Amino acid sequence: MLGSIGTTMILLACALPTYNVWWPLFVVIFYILCPVPTMIAKRIQDGDDGVRPNNAMFATIGIVLSSFALPIVLARAGVIQWGAGILTLAGNAVAYTSLLAYHFGFESGDPSMW
């Protein structure tokens, strides 16, 4: 449900007649790229020094920050309006909250998290 709400907010930032610009939709690329470093690190079970999981977390955090920075940069450059940027930022927050809820709810091995 949260993922649908986040996606709806991003689509509204693109499709409302006031904004009518589809540039904020590029944050979806970051949603697709976000879990890739962590999945690669899970597949490579080296585990000797913990360098690979740290690198994967660094790359994931960089992707997440980029998805929040893109609408701000587009709004500052005048490509999109600030209202569309704020809607995109809110959609990002909701979408990443749903990803965290999924991770801690289903992927985490510790049932006491919830």
N, C-alpha and C. Protein backbone atom coordinates (compact mmCIF):
# COMPACT_ATOMS: atom_id res chain seq x y z
N MET A 1 0.82 -1.18 0.00
CA MET A 1 0.00 0.00 0.00
C MET A 1 0.88 1.26 0.00
N LEU A 2 1.93 1.27 0.82
CA LEU A 2 2.79 2.44 0.86
C LEU A 2 3.50 2.66 -0.48
N GLY A 3 3.90 1.58 -1.13
CA GLY A 3 4.53 1.70 -2.44
C GLY A 3 3.60 2.32 -3.46
N SER A 4 2.32 1.96 -3.40
CA SER A 4 1.34 2.54 -4.32
C SER A 4 1.13 4.02 -4.05
N ILE A 5 1.11 4.38 -2.78
CA ILE A 5 0.94 5.80 -2.44
C ILE A 5 2.15 6.60 -2.91
N GLY A 6 3.36 6.08 -2.70
CA GLY A 6 4.56 6.77 -3.15
C GLY A 6 4.60 6.93 -4.66
N THR A 7 4.24 5.87 -5.36
CA THR A 7 4.21 5.94 -6.82
C THR A 7 3.16 6.92 -7.31
N THR A 8 2.02 6.95 -6.64
CA THR A 8 0.97 7.89 -7.01
C THR A 8 1.43 9.33 -6.82
N MET A 9 2.16 9.59 -5.73
CA MET A 9 2.66 10.95 -5.51
C MET A 9 3.64 11.36 -6.60
N ILE A 10 4.48 10.42 -7.03
CA ILE A 10 5.44 10.75 -8.09
C ILE A 10 4.72 10.96 -9.41
N LEU A 11 3.71 10.15 -9.70
CA LEU A 11 2.94 10.35 -10.92
C LEU A 11 2.16 11.66 -10.89
N LEU A 12 1.66 12.04 -9.71
CA LEU A 12 0.99 13.34 -9.60
C LEU A 12 1.96 14.49 -9.83
N ALA A 13 3.19 14.33 -9.37
CA ALA A 13 4.20 15.37 -9.60
C ALA A 13 4.48 15.54 -11.09
N CYS A 14 4.24 14.49 -11.86
CA CYS A 14 4.47 14.56 -13.30
C CYS A 14 3.23 14.98 -14.07
N ALA A 15 2.08 14.46 -13.70
CA ALA A 15 0.92 14.54 -14.57
C ALA A 15 -0.07 15.65 -14.24
N LEU A 16 0.06 16.30 -13.09
CA LEU A 16 -0.88 17.37 -12.80
C LEU A 16 -0.75 18.49 -13.83
N PRO A 17 -1.87 19.07 -14.24
CA PRO A 17 -1.80 20.10 -15.28
C PRO A 17 -0.96 21.31 -14.88
N THR A 18 -0.82 21.56 -13.59
CA THR A 18 0.00 22.69 -13.15
C THR A 18 1.47 22.45 -13.46
N TYR A 19 1.92 21.20 -13.30
CA TYR A 19 3.33 20.88 -13.50
C TYR A 19 3.59 20.38 -14.92
N ASN A 20 2.89 19.33 -15.33
CA ASN A 20 2.91 18.81 -16.70
C ASN A 20 4.32 18.59 -17.27
N VAL A 21 5.23 18.08 -16.44
CA VAL A 21 6.59 17.75 -16.85
C VAL A 21 6.90 16.37 -16.30
N TRP A 22 7.49 15.51 -17.11
CA TRP A 22 7.69 14.12 -16.71
C TRP A 22 9.10 13.85 -16.19
N TRP A 23 9.91 14.86 -15.95
CA TRP A 23 11.27 14.65 -15.44
C TRP A 23 11.31 14.01 -14.06
N PRO A 24 10.39 14.28 -13.14
CA PRO A 24 10.47 13.62 -11.82
C PRO A 24 10.33 12.10 -11.88
N LEU A 25 9.85 11.57 -12.98
CA LEU A 25 9.68 10.13 -13.09
C LEU A 25 11.02 9.40 -13.15
N PHE A 26 12.11 10.11 -13.37
CA PHE A 26 13.42 9.48 -13.44
C PHE A 26 13.89 8.93 -12.09
N VAL A 27 13.21 9.28 -11.00
CA VAL A 27 13.60 8.71 -9.70
C VAL A 27 13.27 7.22 -9.63
N VAL A 28 12.42 6.75 -10.51
CA VAL A 28 12.09 5.32 -10.54
C VAL A 28 13.33 4.50 -10.88
N ILE A 29 14.24 5.07 -11.65
CA ILE A 29 15.51 4.38 -11.95
C ILE A 29 16.26 4.10 -10.66
N PHE A 30 16.24 5.05 -9.73
CA PHE A 30 16.92 4.85 -8.46
C PHE A 30 16.23 3.78 -7.62
N TYR A 31 14.90 3.66 -7.73
CA TYR A 31 14.19 2.59 -7.01
C TYR A 31 14.64 1.22 -7.51
N ILE A 32 14.89 1.12 -8.80
CA ILE A 32 15.32 -0.15 -9.37
C ILE A 32 16.77 -0.44 -8.98
N LEU A 33 17.60 0.59 -8.96
CA LEU A 33 19.03 0.40 -8.64
C LEU A 33 19.30 0.23 -7.14
N CYS A 34 18.40 0.67 -6.30
CA CYS A 34 18.66 0.70 -4.86
C CYS A 34 19.01 -0.67 -4.26
N PRO A 35 18.28 -1.74 -4.52
CA PRO A 35 18.63 -3.01 -3.87
C PRO A 35 19.75 -3.79 -4.56
N VAL A 36 20.22 -3.34 -5.72
CA VAL A 36 21.21 -4.11 -6.48
C VAL A 36 22.52 -4.31 -5.72
N PRO A 37 23.14 -3.28 -5.12
CA PRO A 37 24.40 -3.53 -4.40
C PRO A 37 24.25 -4.50 -3.22
N THR A 38 23.14 -4.41 -2.53
CA THR A 38 22.92 -5.31 -1.39
C THR A 38 22.70 -6.74 -1.87
N MET A 39 21.98 -6.91 -2.97
CA MET A 39 21.77 -8.26 -3.49
C MET A 39 23.08 -8.87 -3.97
N ILE A 40 23.92 -8.05 -4.60
CA ILE A 40 25.22 -8.55 -5.04
C ILE A 40 26.08 -8.94 -3.85
N ALA A 41 26.06 -8.12 -2.79
CA ALA A 41 26.85 -8.42 -1.60
C ALA A 41 26.36 -9.68 -0.89
N LYS A 42 25.05 -9.93 -0.94
CA LYS A 42 24.52 -11.15 -0.34
C LYS A 42 24.94 -12.38 -1.13
N ARG A 43 25.04 -12.24 -2.43
CA ARG A 43 25.44 -13.38 -3.27
C ARG A 43 26.92 -13.72 -3.09
N ILE A 44 27.72 -12.71 -2.86
CA ILE A 44 29.15 -12.93 -2.66
C ILE A 44 29.37 -13.11 -1.16
N GLN A 45 29.40 -14.30 -0.71
CA GLN A 45 29.54 -14.60 0.72
C GLN A 45 31.02 -14.73 1.09
N ASP A 46 31.73 -13.63 0.99
CA ASP A 46 33.15 -13.64 1.34
C ASP A 46 33.28 -13.59 2.86
N GLY A 47 32.72 -12.57 3.46
CA GLY A 47 32.59 -12.47 4.89
C GLY A 47 33.86 -12.45 5.71
N ASP A 48 35.05 -12.37 5.11
CA ASP A 48 36.28 -12.40 5.90
C ASP A 48 36.45 -11.13 6.71
N ASP A 49 36.38 -10.01 6.04
CA ASP A 49 36.65 -8.75 6.72
C ASP A 49 35.47 -7.79 6.71
N GLY A 50 34.38 -8.15 6.07
CA GLY A 50 33.21 -7.30 6.04
C GLY A 50 33.34 -6.10 5.12
N VAL A 51 34.30 -6.11 4.22
CA VAL A 51 34.50 -4.97 3.33
C VAL A 51 33.40 -4.89 2.30
N ARG A 52 33.01 -6.01 1.74
CA ARG A 52 31.99 -5.99 0.69
C ARG A 52 30.63 -5.52 1.20
N PRO A 53 30.14 -5.99 2.35
CA PRO A 53 28.87 -5.44 2.83
C PRO A 53 28.94 -3.94 3.12
N ASN A 54 30.10 -3.46 3.61
CA ASN A 54 30.22 -2.03 3.84
C ASN A 54 30.19 -1.25 2.53
N ASN A 55 30.85 -1.77 1.53
CA ASN A 55 30.82 -1.12 0.22
C ASN A 55 29.42 -1.13 -0.37
N ALA A 56 28.70 -2.23 -0.17
CA ALA A 56 27.33 -2.32 -0.67
C ALA A 56 26.42 -1.32 0.03
N MET A 57 26.59 -1.16 1.33
CA MET A 57 25.78 -0.18 2.05
C MET A 57 26.12 1.24 1.61
N PHE A 58 27.40 1.49 1.37
CA PHE A 58 27.81 2.81 0.89
C PHE A 58 27.17 3.11 -0.47
N ALA A 59 27.19 2.15 -1.36
CA ALA A 59 26.59 2.34 -2.69
C ALA A 59 25.08 2.51 -2.59
N THR A 60 24.44 1.75 -1.72
CA THR A 60 22.99 1.87 -1.55
C THR A 60 22.62 3.24 -0.99
N ILE A 61 23.37 3.71 -0.01
CA ILE A 61 23.09 5.02 0.56
C ILE A 61 23.31 6.11 -0.49
N GLY A 62 24.32 5.95 -1.32
CA GLY A 62 24.54 6.91 -2.40
C GLY A 62 23.39 6.95 -3.38
N ILE A 63 22.83 5.81 -3.70
CA ILE A 63 21.69 5.75 -4.62
C ILE A 63 20.46 6.39 -4.00
N VAL A 64 20.22 6.12 -2.72
CA VAL A 64 19.07 6.70 -2.04
C VAL A 64 19.20 8.22 -1.96
N LEU A 65 20.39 8.70 -1.60
CA LEU A 65 20.60 10.15 -1.55
C LEU A 65 20.46 10.79 -2.93
N SER A 66 20.87 10.09 -3.96
CA SER A 66 20.72 10.62 -5.31
C SER A 66 19.26 10.75 -5.70
N SER A 67 18.43 9.82 -5.24
CA SER A 67 17.01 9.92 -5.57
C SER A 67 16.35 11.08 -4.85
N PHE A 68 16.88 11.47 -3.69
CA PHE A 68 16.35 12.66 -3.02
C PHE A 68 16.95 13.94 -3.60
N ALA A 69 18.17 13.86 -4.12
CA ALA A 69 18.83 15.05 -4.65
C ALA A 69 18.32 15.43 -6.03
N LEU A 70 17.92 14.45 -6.82
CA LEU A 70 17.50 14.74 -8.20
C LEU A 70 16.35 15.75 -8.28
N PRO A 71 15.24 15.58 -7.53
CA PRO A 71 14.18 16.59 -7.65
C PRO A 71 14.60 17.96 -7.14
N ILE A 72 15.50 18.00 -6.14
CA ILE A 72 15.96 19.30 -5.65
C ILE A 72 16.79 20.01 -6.72
N VAL A 73 17.68 19.27 -7.37
CA VAL A 73 18.50 19.86 -8.42
C VAL A 73 17.63 20.29 -9.60
N LEU A 74 16.66 19.48 -9.98
CA LEU A 74 15.78 19.85 -11.08
C LEU A 74 14.96 21.09 -10.75
N ALA A 75 14.50 21.21 -9.50
CA ALA A 75 13.72 22.38 -9.11
C ALA A 75 14.60 23.63 -9.04
N ARG A 76 15.83 23.48 -8.54
CA ARG A 76 16.74 24.63 -8.47
C ARG A 76 17.14 25.11 -9.87
N ALA A 77 17.24 24.18 -10.80
CA ALA A 77 17.61 24.54 -12.17
C ALA A 77 16.43 25.12 -12.95
N GLY A 78 15.22 25.03 -12.40
CA GLY A 78 14.06 25.56 -13.08
C GLY A 78 13.45 24.60 -14.09
N VAL A 79 13.89 23.36 -14.10
CA VAL A 79 13.34 22.38 -15.03
C VAL A 79 11.95 21.96 -14.59
N ILE A 80 11.76 21.79 -13.28
CA ILE A 80 10.45 21.47 -12.73
C ILE A 80 10.09 22.54 -11.71
N GLN A 81 8.83 22.59 -11.35
CA GLN A 81 8.39 23.54 -10.33
C GLN A 81 8.65 22.95 -8.94
N TRP A 82 8.70 23.83 -7.94
CA TRP A 82 9.00 23.36 -6.59
C TRP A 82 7.89 22.45 -6.05
N GLY A 83 6.67 22.67 -6.46
CA GLY A 83 5.57 21.79 -6.02
C GLY A 83 5.77 20.36 -6.50
N ALA A 84 6.20 20.21 -7.74
CA ALA A 84 6.49 18.88 -8.26
C ALA A 84 7.68 18.26 -7.54
N GLY A 85 8.67 19.08 -7.20
CA GLY A 85 9.82 18.58 -6.46
C GLY A 85 9.44 18.11 -5.07
N ILE A 86 8.58 18.85 -4.40
CA ILE A 86 8.14 18.46 -3.05
C ILE A 86 7.30 17.19 -3.11
N LEU A 87 6.42 17.09 -4.11
CA LEU A 87 5.64 15.85 -4.28
C LEU A 87 6.56 14.65 -4.55
N THR A 88 7.59 14.86 -5.32
CA THR A 88 8.54 13.78 -5.61
C THR A 88 9.31 13.39 -4.35
N LEU A 89 9.73 14.37 -3.57
CA LEU A 89 10.43 14.08 -2.32
C LEU A 89 9.53 13.32 -1.35
N ALA A 90 8.26 13.71 -1.26
CA ALA A 90 7.33 13.00 -0.39
C ALA A 90 7.10 11.58 -0.89
N GLY A 91 6.99 11.42 -2.21
CA GLY A 91 6.84 10.08 -2.78
C GLY A 91 8.06 9.21 -2.51
N ASN A 92 9.26 9.83 -2.58
CA ASN A 92 10.49 9.09 -2.24
C ASN A 92 10.47 8.62 -0.79
N ALA A 93 10.08 9.51 0.10
CA ALA A 93 10.06 9.14 1.52
C ALA A 93 9.10 7.99 1.77
N VAL A 94 7.94 8.04 1.15
CA VAL A 94 6.95 6.97 1.34
C VAL A 94 7.44 5.66 0.71
N ALA A 95 8.02 5.74 -0.48
CA ALA A 95 8.49 4.53 -1.16
C ALA A 95 9.64 3.87 -0.39
N TYR A 96 10.59 4.67 0.09
CA TYR A 96 11.70 4.08 0.84
C TYR A 96 11.26 3.58 2.21
N THR A 97 10.23 4.17 2.79
CA THR A 97 9.67 3.65 4.02
C THR A 97 9.07 2.27 3.79
N SER A 98 8.40 2.10 2.65
CA SER A 98 7.83 0.78 2.35
C SER A 98 8.94 -0.25 2.10
N LEU A 99 10.04 0.17 1.46
CA LEU A 99 11.16 -0.75 1.26
C LEU A 99 11.79 -1.17 2.59
N LEU A 100 11.94 -0.23 3.51
CA LEU A 100 12.48 -0.56 4.83
C LEU A 100 11.53 -1.48 5.60
N ALA A 101 10.23 -1.21 5.50
CA ALA A 101 9.27 -2.07 6.18
C ALA A 101 9.32 -3.49 5.63
N TYR A 102 9.47 -3.62 4.32
CA TYR A 102 9.59 -4.95 3.72
C TYR A 102 10.86 -5.64 4.20
N HIS A 103 11.97 -4.90 4.22
CA HIS A 103 13.24 -5.49 4.62
C HIS A 103 13.20 -5.97 6.06
N PHE A 104 12.73 -5.12 6.96
CA PHE A 104 12.71 -5.51 8.36
C PHE A 104 11.60 -6.50 8.68
N GLY A 105 10.55 -6.51 7.86
CA GLY A 105 9.44 -7.42 8.12
C GLY A 105 9.65 -8.82 7.58
N PHE A 106 10.24 -8.93 6.38
CA PHE A 106 10.33 -10.23 5.73
C PHE A 106 11.76 -10.74 5.56
N GLU A 107 12.70 -9.85 5.33
CA GLU A 107 14.07 -10.27 5.06
C GLU A 107 14.92 -10.40 6.32
N SER A 108 14.53 -9.71 7.37
CA SER A 108 15.33 -9.74 8.60
C SER A 108 15.16 -11.07 9.30
N GLY A 109 16.24 -11.62 9.81
CA GLY A 109 16.17 -12.88 10.53
C GLY A 109 15.76 -12.74 11.96
N ASP A 110 15.69 -11.51 12.46
CA ASP A 110 15.35 -11.25 13.86
C ASP A 110 13.85 -10.92 13.97
N PRO A 111 13.04 -11.85 14.49
CA PRO A 111 11.59 -11.58 14.57
C PRO A 111 11.23 -10.55 15.63
N SER A 112 12.16 -10.22 16.52
CA SER A 112 11.84 -9.24 17.57
C SER A 112 11.91 -7.81 17.06
N MET A 113 12.22 -7.62 15.77
CA MET A 113 12.30 -6.28 15.22
C MET A 113 10.96 -5.57 15.28
N TRP A 114 9.87 -6.30 15.08
CA TRP A 114 8.54 -5.68 15.08
C TRP A 114 7.86 -5.97 16.37
